[in-house]
N, C-alpha and C. Protein backbone atom coordinates (compact mmCIF):
# COMPACT_ATOMS: atom_id res chain seq x y z
N UNK A 1 110.49 85.39 92.74
CA UNK A 1 110.49 85.86 94.24
C UNK A 1 110.68 87.29 94.22
N UNK A 2 109.83 87.93 94.94
CA UNK A 2 109.94 89.41 95.32
C UNK A 2 111.27 89.45 96.59
N UNK A 3 111.79 90.61 96.33
CA UNK A 3 112.86 90.99 97.47
C UNK A 3 111.93 91.47 98.45
N UNK A 4 112.22 91.18 99.88
CA UNK A 4 111.53 91.56 100.89
C UNK A 4 112.24 92.85 101.55
N UNK A 5 111.30 93.62 101.86
CA UNK A 5 111.86 94.60 102.90
C UNK A 5 112.07 94.17 104.27
N UNK A 6 113.29 94.31 104.75
CA UNK A 6 113.56 93.87 106.02
C UNK A 6 113.98 94.90 106.93
N UNK A 7 113.02 94.81 108.39
CA UNK A 7 113.33 95.71 109.34
C UNK A 7 113.64 95.13 110.92
N UNK A 8 113.76 95.75 111.68
CA UNK A 8 114.20 95.23 113.08
C UNK A 8 113.15 94.45 113.51
N UNK A 9 112.11 94.56 113.14
CA UNK A 9 110.78 93.62 113.71
C UNK A 9 111.04 92.57 113.04
N UNK A 10 111.28 92.19 111.67
CA UNK A 10 111.10 91.10 110.97
C UNK A 10 112.63 90.22 110.45
N UNK A 11 113.44 91.05 111.02
CA UNK A 11 114.89 90.60 110.77
C UNK A 11 115.22 89.10 111.12
N UNK A 12 114.89 89.04 112.60
CA UNK A 12 115.22 87.57 113.05
C UNK A 12 114.57 86.14 112.47
N UNK A 13 112.93 86.71 112.32
CA UNK A 13 112.31 85.76 111.48
C UNK A 13 112.93 85.50 110.16
N UNK A 14 112.87 86.38 109.36
CA UNK A 14 113.14 86.24 107.75
C UNK A 14 114.85 85.99 107.49
N UNK A 15 115.77 86.24 108.53
CA UNK A 15 117.05 86.19 108.13
C UNK A 15 117.62 85.44 109.21
N UNK A 16 117.85 85.51 110.19
CA UNK A 16 118.69 84.72 111.17
C UNK A 16 117.93 83.27 111.36
N UNK A 17 116.62 83.05 111.32
CA UNK A 17 115.84 81.96 111.50
C UNK A 17 115.60 81.18 109.98
N UNK A 18 116.08 81.94 108.89
CA UNK A 18 115.49 81.34 107.78
C UNK A 18 116.23 79.67 107.36
N UNK A 19 115.33 78.89 106.91
CA UNK A 19 115.97 77.58 106.36
C UNK A 19 117.04 77.52 105.60
N UNK A 20 117.18 78.74 104.52
CA UNK A 20 118.14 78.66 103.50
C UNK A 20 118.91 80.00 103.50
N UNK A 21 119.66 80.19 102.40
CA UNK A 21 120.75 81.10 102.61
C UNK A 21 119.86 82.65 102.52
N UNK A 22 120.12 83.83 102.97
CA UNK A 22 119.46 85.22 102.60
C UNK A 22 120.61 86.20 102.19
N UNK A 23 120.39 86.51 101.00
CA UNK A 23 121.27 87.79 100.75
C UNK A 23 120.54 89.27 101.19
N UNK A 24 121.37 89.82 101.83
CA UNK A 24 120.86 91.17 102.29
C UNK A 24 121.46 92.19 101.93
N UNK A 25 120.77 93.32 101.21
CA UNK A 25 121.33 94.45 100.75
C UNK A 25 121.05 95.54 101.43
N UNK A 26 121.91 96.19 102.20
CA UNK A 26 121.96 97.39 102.98
C UNK A 26 122.42 98.42 102.01
N UNK A 27 121.16 99.27 101.75
CA UNK A 27 121.17 100.46 100.88
C UNK A 27 120.38 101.58 101.28
N UNK A 28 120.16 102.83 100.76
CA UNK A 28 119.52 103.96 100.88
C UNK A 28 119.15 104.53 99.60
N UNK A 29 117.77 105.18 99.97
CA UNK A 29 117.01 105.74 98.52
C UNK A 29 118.18 106.69 97.76
N UNK A 30 118.80 107.59 98.67
CA UNK A 30 119.44 108.79 98.26
C UNK A 30 120.84 108.22 97.42
N UNK A 31 121.27 106.80 97.60
CA UNK A 31 122.39 106.25 97.05
C UNK A 31 122.22 105.83 95.81
N UNK A 32 122.72 106.81 94.67
CA UNK A 32 122.66 106.65 93.16
C UNK A 32 123.01 105.05 92.93
N UNK A 33 124.39 104.44 93.61
CA UNK A 33 124.72 103.25 93.28
C UNK A 33 123.73 102.03 93.49
N UNK A 34 123.14 102.27 94.70
CA UNK A 34 122.09 101.36 95.23
C UNK A 34 121.13 101.31 94.35
N UNK A 35 120.82 102.31 93.54
CA UNK A 35 119.51 102.25 92.96
C UNK A 35 119.96 101.44 91.54
N UNK A 36 121.07 101.80 91.13
CA UNK A 36 121.84 101.14 89.84
C UNK A 36 121.84 99.82 89.98
N UNK A 37 122.43 99.25 91.49
CA UNK A 37 122.59 98.05 91.35
C UNK A 37 121.07 97.34 91.72
N UNK A 38 119.83 97.81 91.78
CA UNK A 38 118.60 97.10 92.06
C UNK A 38 118.36 96.27 90.87
N UNK A 39 118.35 96.62 89.55
CA UNK A 39 118.12 95.61 88.45
C UNK A 39 118.72 94.40 88.68
N UNK A 40 120.13 94.32 89.03
CA UNK A 40 120.80 93.25 89.05
C UNK A 40 120.24 92.25 90.19
N UNK A 41 119.96 92.86 91.17
CA UNK A 41 119.14 92.17 92.55
C UNK A 41 118.07 91.58 91.87
N UNK A 42 117.15 92.14 91.30
CA UNK A 42 115.99 91.56 91.00
C UNK A 42 116.17 90.39 90.04
N UNK A 43 117.41 90.30 89.15
CA UNK A 43 117.58 89.19 88.30
C UNK A 43 117.96 88.13 88.99
N UNK A 44 118.77 88.56 90.00
CA UNK A 44 119.48 87.59 90.91
C UNK A 44 118.48 86.84 91.68
N UNK A 45 117.34 87.45 92.17
CA UNK A 45 116.14 87.05 92.78
C UNK A 45 115.37 85.70 91.85
N UNK A 46 115.28 86.05 90.47
CA UNK A 46 114.86 85.26 89.85
C UNK A 46 115.59 84.16 89.63
N UNK A 47 116.58 84.44 89.37
CA UNK A 47 117.70 83.28 89.04
C UNK A 47 117.94 82.32 90.07
N UNK A 48 117.99 82.63 91.36
CA UNK A 48 118.13 81.71 92.43
C UNK A 48 116.97 81.39 92.97
N UNK A 49 115.74 81.69 92.57
CA UNK A 49 114.41 81.19 93.18
C UNK A 49 114.69 80.10 93.92
N UNK A 50 114.39 79.79 95.01
CA UNK A 50 114.14 78.19 95.75
C UNK A 50 115.48 78.01 96.33
N UNK A 51 116.69 78.88 95.91
CA UNK A 51 118.14 78.47 96.47
C UNK A 51 118.58 79.62 97.36
N UNK A 52 117.86 81.06 97.15
CA UNK A 52 118.16 82.05 97.88
C UNK A 52 117.43 83.19 98.22
N UNK A 53 117.12 83.69 99.22
CA UNK A 53 116.11 84.81 99.58
C UNK A 53 117.05 86.14 99.59
N UNK A 54 116.27 86.90 99.11
CA UNK A 54 116.96 88.39 99.04
C UNK A 54 116.19 89.57 99.90
N UNK A 55 116.83 90.02 100.68
CA UNK A 55 116.02 91.38 101.38
C UNK A 55 116.81 92.53 101.23
N UNK A 56 116.07 93.72 101.25
CA UNK A 56 116.86 94.93 101.47
C UNK A 56 116.57 95.75 102.93
N UNK A 57 117.51 96.45 103.49
CA UNK A 57 117.56 97.08 104.63
C UNK A 57 117.85 98.45 104.24
N UNK A 58 116.68 99.49 104.42
CA UNK A 58 117.29 100.70 104.14
C UNK A 58 117.66 101.40 105.51
N UNK A 59 119.06 101.44 105.37
CA UNK A 59 119.53 102.02 106.30
C UNK A 59 119.35 103.37 107.11
N UNK A 60 118.62 103.92 106.32
CA UNK A 60 118.19 105.46 107.04
C UNK A 60 117.11 104.93 108.05
N UNK A 61 116.25 104.05 107.53
CA UNK A 61 114.80 103.59 108.45
C UNK A 61 115.48 102.46 109.21
N UNK A 62 116.38 101.99 109.06
CA UNK A 62 116.64 100.54 110.16
C UNK A 62 118.41 100.92 110.75
N UNK A 63 118.56 102.05 111.41
CA UNK A 63 119.92 102.27 111.83
C UNK A 63 120.68 101.21 112.72
N UNK A 64 119.78 100.67 113.38
CA UNK A 64 119.93 99.64 114.42
C UNK A 64 120.91 98.27 113.70
N UNK A 65 120.19 98.27 112.61
CA UNK A 65 120.78 96.79 111.87
C UNK A 65 122.04 97.37 111.11
N UNK A 66 121.95 98.47 110.53
CA UNK A 66 123.28 98.73 109.83
C UNK A 66 124.30 98.94 110.94
N UNK A 67 124.08 99.57 112.04
CA UNK A 67 125.17 99.48 112.98
C UNK A 67 125.51 98.20 113.80
N UNK A 68 124.66 97.29 113.81
CA UNK A 68 124.89 95.75 114.33
C UNK A 68 125.75 95.32 113.30
N UNK A 69 125.69 95.46 112.31
CA UNK A 69 126.62 94.74 111.04
C UNK A 69 127.72 95.49 110.37
N UNK A 70 127.80 96.69 111.33
CA UNK A 70 129.01 97.63 111.07
C UNK A 70 128.98 98.25 109.48
N UNK A 71 127.68 98.32 108.94
CA UNK A 71 127.95 98.87 107.63
C UNK A 71 128.44 100.21 106.89
N UNK A 72 129.52 100.64 106.48
CA UNK A 72 129.81 102.11 106.63
C UNK A 72 129.95 102.29 105.05
N UNK A 73 129.68 101.55 104.07
CA UNK A 73 129.75 101.89 102.79
C UNK A 73 128.33 101.10 102.09
N UNK A 74 127.60 102.02 101.47
CA UNK A 74 126.87 101.39 100.44
C UNK A 74 126.83 101.40 98.98
N UNK A 75 126.25 100.51 98.29
CA UNK A 75 125.59 99.21 99.01
C UNK A 75 126.61 98.26 99.64
N UNK A 76 126.20 97.57 100.40
CA UNK A 76 126.89 96.25 100.89
C UNK A 76 125.69 95.20 100.99
N UNK A 77 126.24 94.01 100.66
CA UNK A 77 125.61 92.94 100.68
C UNK A 77 126.27 91.89 101.50
N UNK A 78 125.54 91.40 102.59
CA UNK A 78 125.70 90.61 103.29
C UNK A 78 124.91 89.11 103.29
N UNK A 79 125.53 87.94 103.29
CA UNK A 79 124.75 86.64 102.95
C UNK A 79 124.84 86.04 104.31
N UNK A 80 123.64 85.43 104.57
CA UNK A 80 123.28 85.00 106.21
C UNK A 80 123.05 83.64 105.80
N UNK A 81 123.86 82.51 106.31
CA UNK A 81 123.69 81.33 106.14
C UNK A 81 123.59 80.56 107.39
N UNK A 82 122.37 80.05 107.98
CA UNK A 82 122.38 79.34 109.50
C UNK A 82 122.47 80.39 110.21
N UNK A 83 121.84 81.74 109.83
CA UNK A 83 121.78 82.65 110.82
C UNK A 83 123.18 83.65 111.08
N UNK A 84 124.17 83.14 110.32
CA UNK A 84 125.44 83.69 110.49
C UNK A 84 125.81 84.52 109.03
N UNK A 85 126.25 85.88 109.73
CA UNK A 85 126.69 86.74 108.63
C UNK A 85 128.05 86.71 107.91
N UNK A 86 128.15 86.77 106.55
CA UNK A 86 129.29 86.50 105.77
C UNK A 86 129.98 88.03 106.04
N UNK A 87 131.37 88.07 105.50
CA UNK A 87 131.95 89.26 105.26
C UNK A 87 131.10 89.98 104.21
N UNK A 88 131.07 91.26 104.16
CA UNK A 88 130.26 92.00 103.42
C UNK A 88 130.81 91.97 101.92
N UNK A 89 129.94 92.09 100.86
CA UNK A 89 130.40 92.34 99.63
C UNK A 89 130.22 94.04 99.35
N UNK A 90 131.13 95.02 99.51
CA UNK A 90 130.84 96.17 99.40
C UNK A 90 130.86 96.68 98.22
N UNK A 91 129.99 97.38 97.49
CA UNK A 91 130.29 98.23 96.40
C UNK A 91 130.28 97.34 95.05
N UNK A 92 129.80 96.14 94.89
CA UNK A 92 129.94 95.36 93.82
C UNK A 92 129.57 96.11 92.48
N UNK A 93 130.54 95.76 91.62
CA UNK A 93 130.72 96.22 90.02
C UNK A 93 129.74 96.11 89.10
N UNK A 94 129.13 94.68 89.43
CA UNK A 94 128.45 94.05 88.51
C UNK A 94 127.63 92.93 89.02
N UNK A 95 126.49 92.48 88.27
CA UNK A 95 126.02 91.18 88.60
C UNK A 95 127.04 90.00 88.81
N UNK A 96 127.59 89.91 87.65
CA UNK A 96 128.70 88.76 87.74
C UNK A 96 129.80 88.86 88.82
N UNK A 97 129.97 89.84 89.25
CA UNK A 97 130.75 89.82 90.57
C UNK A 97 129.97 89.49 91.62
N UNK A 98 128.66 89.76 91.97
CA UNK A 98 127.77 89.16 93.14
C UNK A 98 127.72 87.61 92.68
N UNK A 99 127.26 87.16 91.66
CA UNK A 99 127.45 85.71 91.18
C UNK A 99 128.71 85.07 91.74
N UNK A 100 129.73 85.68 91.40
CA UNK A 100 131.00 84.81 91.73
C UNK A 100 131.22 84.81 93.35
N UNK A 101 130.74 85.94 93.69
CA UNK A 101 130.85 85.67 95.50
C UNK A 101 129.97 84.96 96.15
N UNK A 102 128.82 84.91 95.48
CA UNK A 102 127.74 84.02 96.09
C UNK A 102 128.42 82.54 95.86
N UNK A 103 129.20 82.17 94.78
CA UNK A 103 129.39 81.00 94.37
C UNK A 103 130.68 80.85 95.47
N UNK A 104 131.40 81.37 95.64
CA UNK A 104 132.53 81.29 96.71
C UNK A 104 132.05 81.05 98.16
N UNK A 105 130.68 81.69 98.34
CA UNK A 105 129.92 81.52 99.71
C UNK A 105 129.32 79.94 99.60
N UNK A 106 129.32 79.12 98.62
CA UNK A 106 128.86 78.05 98.69
C UNK A 106 127.45 78.20 98.01
N UNK A 107 126.76 79.38 97.53
CA UNK A 107 125.47 79.26 96.88
C UNK A 107 125.38 78.96 95.48
N UNK A 108 124.80 77.88 94.90
CA UNK A 108 124.67 77.94 93.32
C UNK A 108 123.51 77.64 92.67
C-alpha cells in the first residue's frame, strides 16, 4: 500500500470519512528526522496493509491542517479512527515505538 499525500482538498474524504483507521504523518521536507522516519512508515504501510491506511501532510504546503490539529513539533503522528483524532505521537524514536503506540490505540 502506498502512503497517500494528504491535502486540505482530500483530507475529509481520505481521513475523516475513512472506513478504517488512518495514521497521518505531519512532516516537512526540511525536517531531517522526518526524512529518517520515512522508511519506518513505509515498512508499517506494508505490515498493516488492509488494517491501517497511512497518509502524509506536508505542513509547509498544508498549514491549515497543521494549525487545525495544533501540530507544534515535527514529526507528529496522529491516528484517526471514525473521524476522530488521537493525541499525537511526537517525534517517535523508532518503528517499535510507533507499533506499540498503535497497539495501545487498538490497531493490530
